[in-house]
Each structure stands twice: as C-alpha cells, then as structure tokens.
Amino acid sequence: MSFALMLFAFGVPKAVHKKVVKEVEKTFDVEGVSFSPISVSEEVNQDLPAKITGENLYQVTVQNKPLGYAFVDQAPSKTAKFDYLVVFDTELIVVNSKVLVYREEYGGEIGSKRWLKQFLGKTGNDRVSSETNIDAIAGATISVRSMTKSMDNLLQTIGILQKKGNL
C-alpha cells in the first residue's frame, strides 16, 4: 500500500487517494493494490478528449498481476468541481464508477449507485449522452451533464488509446 501511496502522493489529495484505494480494492475484492501511472506522448494527448497526465490514469496490479485500470479526475459542477473514479477491468470495460468528493449543496444525487450503474459495462466503443442514453436527475442537471460528458470523453479516450496500441 505504501507504494500506491507514493505514486498518488504528487497528483491526488491524500483524502481522495484513500478513497480511491479503498474503492479499487473493493471493486476487485483484494488488498494491497499497486498503481502504475500511464502516460502518453504530447502528440497522442492532442487527439484525446480526456487528457492523460501521468497522474490520472493508472494500471492496477496486485502482486504484479494486472487487475485493470483506474482513472481519477475532476469534473465541474455549478460552482465547484467534484472528484470521481472510474475503474476498468483488464479488457477496459467499466466495472465501477464513483463520485469520491462532491462539493456542492445540490446535485449530489449523481453519486448514487443507482445512477452511476448506467456506466457499467461501457467500453471505448460506447458513447454516452445525457440527451440520449443517460437518465436525468431533477435538481442535478449541471452535474449530470458534466459527469456524462466526462465519462463520454474518457470512453472516447480509452478507445483511441486502444486503437493506437497505448493500452
């Protein structure tokens, strides 16, 4: 776990890091996961809807055995940003998504498992949109649109990275 802590120390706040580790270990039903940052060249990053910084996309392993990938980022809400996590299996299929820290008075319903389960099973070949295939939530319109757009950008990015052989 200390190895994972070192990798996250420079890019993710400590409180968010703890939640990421806990959620990833719960997702894969293991303990002692390690996170190896994934980075891409500036040239590749120019074509990506979600920028990969070396501090937001990680390969997840336990005892050097690949489990999948974790993506940690922020998305805007009405006046602040919220932190979220997306966990992929080794085939880059979404197996979990979670709002880690929500900083607004309204719109926190996007953190519900019921709403987030709409993203499960999605891959880099899928598109998601709050206009067509993701449910709205009354009182959380801005957050729904933001999370859905962030997820769509991430899925497109995963698809591009797979096609280019980066993942």
Protein backbone atom coordinates (compact mmCIF):
# COMPACT_ATOMS: atom_id res chain seq x y z
CA MET A 1 0.00 0.00 0.00
CA SER A 2 2.87 2.41 0.65
CA PHE A 3 3.96 2.00 -2.99
CA ALA A 4 0.48 3.04 -4.11
CA LEU A 5 0.61 5.98 -1.72
CA MET A 6 3.89 7.20 -3.22
CA LEU A 7 2.51 7.13 -6.74
CA PHE A 8 -0.57 9.09 -5.79
CA ALA A 9 1.18 11.50 -3.44
CA PHE A 10 2.04 14.06 -6.11
CA GLY A 11 -1.22 14.14 -8.04
CA VAL A 12 -4.18 13.27 -5.86
CA PRO A 13 -5.06 14.77 -2.45
CA LYS A 14 -4.49 12.34 0.41
CA ALA A 15 -8.19 12.10 1.37
CA VAL A 16 -9.13 11.33 -2.25
CA HIS A 17 -6.26 8.84 -2.54
CA LYS A 18 -7.55 6.83 0.42
CA LYS A 19 -11.00 6.65 -1.15
CA VAL A 20 -9.50 5.55 -4.48
CA VAL A 21 -7.50 2.74 -2.88
CA LYS A 22 -10.50 1.59 -0.82
CA GLU A 23 -12.86 1.62 -3.81
CA VAL A 24 -10.42 -0.14 -6.15
CA GLU A 25 -9.70 -2.85 -3.57
CA LYS A 26 -13.44 -3.28 -3.01
CA THR A 27 -14.08 -3.47 -6.76
CA PHE A 28 -11.54 -6.25 -7.29
CA ASP A 29 -12.08 -7.85 -3.84
CA VAL A 30 -8.36 -7.73 -3.00
CA GLU A 31 -6.00 -5.91 -0.66
CA GLY A 32 -2.61 -4.35 -1.33
CA VAL A 33 -3.14 -2.96 -4.82
CA SER A 34 -0.41 -1.03 -6.60
CA PHE A 35 -0.94 1.79 -9.09
CA SER A 36 1.42 2.35 -12.02
CA PRO A 37 0.87 5.65 -13.82
CA ILE A 38 0.16 5.56 -17.53
CA SER A 39 1.38 8.45 -19.61
CA VAL A 40 1.15 9.20 -23.30
CA SER A 41 3.13 11.49 -25.57
CA GLU A 42 2.05 15.09 -26.12
CA GLU A 43 1.36 14.19 -29.73
CA VAL A 44 -1.10 11.43 -28.75
CA ASN A 45 -2.61 13.60 -25.99
CA GLN A 46 -3.54 16.28 -28.54
CA ASP A 47 -6.05 13.85 -30.09
CA LEU A 48 -7.59 12.78 -26.77
CA PRO A 49 -10.86 14.25 -25.43
CA ALA A 50 -9.71 13.42 -21.84
CA LYS A 51 -6.09 14.40 -21.34
CA ILE A 52 -3.84 11.74 -19.79
CA THR A 53 -1.39 13.44 -17.46
CA GLY A 54 0.50 10.58 -15.82
CA GLU A 55 -1.43 11.50 -12.66
CA ASN A 56 -4.93 10.40 -13.61
CA LEU A 57 -4.76 7.01 -15.37
CA TYR A 58 -3.17 4.02 -13.66
CA GLN A 59 -2.72 0.33 -14.28
CA VAL A 60 -3.86 -1.51 -11.16
CA THR A 61 -1.99 -4.62 -10.05
CA VAL A 62 -1.76 -6.84 -7.01
CA GLN A 63 1.47 -8.79 -6.56
CA ASN A 64 2.41 -7.86 -10.16
CA LYS A 65 -0.81 -9.40 -11.52
CA PRO A 66 -2.81 -6.95 -13.67
CA LEU A 67 -6.33 -6.33 -12.37
CA GLY A 68 -7.36 -3.42 -14.57
CA TYR A 69 -7.15 0.34 -14.71
CA ALA A 70 -8.24 3.30 -12.59
CA PHE A 71 -8.97 6.82 -13.82
CA VAL A 72 -9.25 9.64 -11.27
CA ASP A 73 -10.26 13.14 -12.27
CA GLN A 74 -12.40 16.15 -11.51
CA ALA A 75 -15.46 17.45 -13.33
CA PRO A 76 -17.16 20.82 -12.92
CA SER A 77 -20.48 21.26 -11.15
CA LYS A 78 -22.30 24.59 -10.79
CA THR A 79 -19.68 26.46 -8.75
CA ALA A 80 -17.07 23.85 -7.78
CA LYS A 81 -15.55 20.61 -9.04
CA PHE A 82 -16.15 17.06 -7.89
CA ASP A 83 -13.70 14.17 -7.79
CA TYR A 84 -14.63 10.90 -9.44
CA LEU A 85 -13.15 7.49 -10.11
CA VAL A 86 -13.72 5.08 -12.99
CA VAL A 87 -12.42 1.51 -12.69
CA PHE A 88 -11.90 -0.70 -15.74
CA ASP A 89 -11.11 -4.40 -15.89
CA THR A 90 -8.18 -5.72 -17.95
CA GLU A 91 -10.38 -5.66 -21.08
CA LEU A 92 -11.05 -1.92 -20.47
CA ILE A 93 -14.70 -2.43 -19.61
CA VAL A 94 -16.09 -0.14 -16.91
CA VAL A 95 -16.64 -2.22 -13.77
CA ASN A 96 -17.16 0.63 -11.29
CA SER A 97 -17.63 4.38 -11.18
CA LYS A 98 -17.87 6.51 -8.07
CA VAL A 99 -18.14 10.15 -7.14
CA LEU A 100 -15.47 10.44 -4.46
CA VAL A 101 -15.94 14.02 -3.24
CA TYR A 102 -18.92 16.23 -4.14
CA ARG A 103 -18.61 19.85 -3.06
CA GLU A 104 -22.00 21.39 -3.91
CA GLU A 105 -25.21 21.75 -1.95
CA TYR A 106 -27.29 20.42 -4.85
CA GLY A 107 -26.70 17.70 -7.41
CA GLY A 108 -25.01 15.14 -5.19
CA GLU A 109 -27.51 12.53 -6.40
CA ILE A 110 -25.10 11.77 -9.22
CA GLY A 111 -23.12 9.89 -6.60
CA SER A 112 -25.87 7.30 -6.14
CA LYS A 113 -25.04 3.74 -7.18
CA ARG A 114 -28.38 3.58 -8.96
CA TRP A 115 -27.49 6.46 -11.29
CA LEU A 116 -23.81 5.51 -11.76
CA LYS A 117 -24.65 1.92 -12.74
CA GLN A 118 -25.64 3.30 -16.17
CA PHE A 119 -21.92 3.43 -17.00
CA LEU A 120 -21.15 -0.19 -16.05
CA GLY A 121 -20.18 -2.37 -19.00
CA LYS A 122 -19.26 0.58 -21.21
CA THR A 123 -16.11 0.42 -23.34
CA GLY A 124 -14.09 2.66 -25.61
CA ASN A 125 -16.55 1.79 -28.38
CA ASP A 126 -19.54 3.24 -26.49
CA ARG A 127 -20.87 6.80 -26.41
CA VAL A 128 -22.89 8.20 -23.53
CA SER A 129 -25.02 11.33 -23.55
CA SER A 130 -27.41 12.98 -21.13
CA GLU A 131 -29.54 13.78 -24.19
CA THR A 132 -29.98 10.20 -25.38
CA ASN A 133 -28.95 7.28 -23.15
CA ILE A 134 -28.18 8.54 -19.64
CA ASP A 135 -31.03 9.37 -17.25
CA ALA A 136 -31.52 12.91 -15.99
CA ILE A 137 -31.88 13.76 -12.31
CA ALA A 138 -34.16 16.62 -11.25
CA GLY A 139 -32.11 19.23 -9.43
CA ALA A 140 -28.80 17.85 -10.69
CA THR A 141 -28.90 18.84 -14.36
CA ILE A 142 -25.47 20.52 -14.44
CA SER A 143 -23.77 17.68 -12.57
CA VAL A 144 -25.47 15.01 -14.71
CA ARG A 145 -24.33 16.72 -17.90
CA SER A 146 -20.82 17.23 -16.54
CA MET A 147 -20.34 13.65 -15.32
CA THR A 148 -21.84 12.24 -18.51
CA LYS A 149 -19.62 14.44 -20.72
CA SER A 150 -16.57 13.46 -18.63
CA MET A 151 -17.44 9.78 -18.98
CA ASP A 152 -18.00 10.12 -22.73
CA ASN A 153 -14.65 11.89 -23.13
CA LEU A 154 -12.96 9.16 -21.09
CA LEU A 155 -14.58 6.37 -23.11
CA GLN A 156 -13.54 8.04 -26.37
CA THR A 157 -10.00 8.43 -24.98
CA ILE A 158 -9.84 4.76 -23.97
CA GLY A 159 -11.00 3.78 -27.47
CA ILE A 160 -8.35 5.96 -29.13
CA LEU A 161 -5.58 4.66 -26.83
CA GLN A 162 -6.61 1.08 -27.57
CA LYS A 163 -6.57 1.69 -31.33
CA LYS A 164 -3.14 3.34 -31.12
CA GLY A 165 -1.80 0.46 -29.01
CA ASN A 166 -1.16 2.57 -25.90
CA LEU A 167 -3.39 0.33 -23.74
